[in-house]
Protein backbone atom coordinates (compact mmCIF):
# COMPACT_ATOMS: atom_id res chain seq x y z
CA MET A 1 102.13 93.84 95.65
CA THR A 2 103.33 94.22 99.06
CA ALA A 3 107.49 95.06 101.40
CA GLU A 4 109.56 92.35 102.94
CA ARG A 5 112.35 92.66 105.02
CA PHE A 6 115.14 91.00 104.29
CA ARG A 7 118.95 92.13 105.74
CA GLY A 8 116.69 96.00 106.84
CA ARG A 9 116.01 96.65 103.28
CA PRO A 10 112.46 96.22 101.14
CA VAL A 11 111.88 93.57 98.88
CA ARG A 12 108.83 93.54 97.56
CA VAL A 13 106.67 90.56 96.65
CA ILE A 14 103.80 90.36 94.35
CA GLU A 15 100.89 87.68 95.08
CA SER A 16 99.38 86.57 92.69
CA GLU A 17 97.02 83.74 90.42
CA GLY A 18 98.78 81.92 87.37
CA SER A 19 97.44 80.93 83.85
CA ASP A 20 96.04 78.23 85.71
CA PRO A 21 92.98 79.74 88.64
CA ASP A 22 94.46 76.89 91.22
CA THR A 23 98.27 78.78 90.63
CA TRP A 24 99.35 80.84 93.31
CA GLU A 25 103.18 82.78 92.63
CA TRP A 26 104.69 85.11 94.38
CA GLU A 27 107.62 86.87 92.79
CA PHE A 28 110.48 88.84 94.53
CA ARG A 29 111.94 92.27 93.39
CA ASP A 30 114.65 93.04 95.44
CA GLY A 31 117.43 96.05 93.91
CA HIS A 32 119.60 95.76 95.66
CA LEU A 33 120.59 92.25 94.27
CA ASP A 34 119.47 93.16 90.62
CA THR A 35 118.14 96.62 88.84
CA ARG A 36 116.31 94.87 86.38
CA GLY A 37 113.59 93.49 88.56
CA SER A 38 112.66 89.48 89.58
CA VAL A 39 114.49 87.78 91.10
CA LEU A 40 112.48 85.15 91.73
CA ALA A 41 109.15 83.02 91.74
CA VAL A 42 107.59 80.58 93.84
CA VAL A 43 104.77 78.44 92.15
CA VAL A 44 102.37 76.14 93.39
CA PRO A 45 100.98 74.91 90.40
CA GLU A 46 97.22 73.60 90.44
CA GLY A 47 96.14 73.99 93.63
CA GLY A 48 99.47 71.77 94.77
CA PRO A 49 100.27 71.45 98.42
CA TRP A 50 103.69 73.08 99.17
CA GLU A 51 105.54 70.50 98.51
CA ASP A 52 104.83 70.06 94.87
CA ALA A 53 106.40 73.96 95.46
CA VAL A 54 108.63 74.81 92.44
CA LEU A 55 111.13 78.10 91.82
CA SER A 56 112.09 79.92 89.25
CA ILE A 57 115.42 82.42 88.96
CA PRO A 58 115.79 84.30 85.73
CA PRO A 59 118.79 83.03 83.63
CA ASP A 60 119.93 86.97 83.60
CA VAL A 61 120.05 86.62 87.41
CA GLY A 62 122.84 84.88 87.38
CA ALA A 63 123.92 84.43 91.16
CA LEU A 64 122.03 84.67 94.03
CA PRO A 65 122.18 84.50 97.93
CA VAL A 66 121.27 80.84 100.18
CA ASP A 67 120.22 82.70 102.45
CA PHE A 68 118.13 85.74 100.02
CA VAL A 69 116.39 82.32 98.24
CA ARG A 70 115.92 80.78 102.12
CA TRP A 71 114.24 83.43 103.33
CA ALA A 72 112.68 84.06 100.12
CA LEU A 73 110.08 80.29 99.83
CA ASP A 74 109.51 81.33 103.68
CA VAL A 75 108.48 83.24 102.83
CA ALA A 76 106.02 82.82 99.72
CA GLU A 77 105.10 78.90 102.07
CA ARG A 78 103.66 81.03 104.77
CA ARG A 79 101.47 83.15 102.64
CA LEU A 80 100.85 80.20 100.67
CA ARG A 81 99.29 79.07 104.47
CA GLY A 82 98.08 81.56 105.65
């Protein structure tokens, strides 16, 4: 787990392999937006390219600011491309 900064506050980013070793997942946790846990996750399935990535938002999170989603996608893409 590492932290990235969004609007000056730390956001925890948990990077892991999915159930398939070729699947990568980045889980974003921002206590400012939701104190219960994950705000969103970006998953790249089965060793696919960035263009195959999907966004997962837990139903209980509700609405998220568009700039946070854009920022999280940028972070995940940067990490995938190394």
